[in-house]
């Protein structure tokens, strides 16, 4: 699953592969980001140029982040992204999960499988105990995905993130290792 020496990772699911981004992915990723720009407005801002993509790839060089591409297994096409950020170890063993699909791939189950593979990696490989997702209340598809993946709503974080120039409330969802094991 993960080679500590070179920090490469690939996790195989039924229909998708979860893997680290590489510079060779730049053209495909940037084209997908540009074509999904309207769809992503006020939700996420993926890299749309080579410099931002390079920074994105370099984000995996720290212990605090694990950034993954969700790729369709049949042809290796990039369909979306999931990431674990602000990874804390010690007595906390926590991370925040972020995710998005590119517009052409919504509604096909790729995100549910990608998040489930990310959860498995977080708990089995990274040895985390808790994963938290913060979602704008109006983002019903994203809330539906975390529900399907076993997350529990824990509350509301008022004016949690500044998105599109304004502070937005977010629902706080989390999954802990014990709950995940029950659903295996």
Foldseek 3Di string as FASTA:
>chain_A
DADVVVGWDWDDDPFKIKTQDDLVCVVLQLVLQVVQVVVCAQPDRQDNDSVRVVVVNCVCVDPFKDKIFIATPVPRRTFWIKMWGRQDDDPQLETEMDMDTRPVRPPPCSVLRVVLRVVCCSCPPVVGFKYKYWAFPVPVVVVVSVVSSQKDFDAKDFLPDQTPNGRGITTMIMDGPVRNVVVD
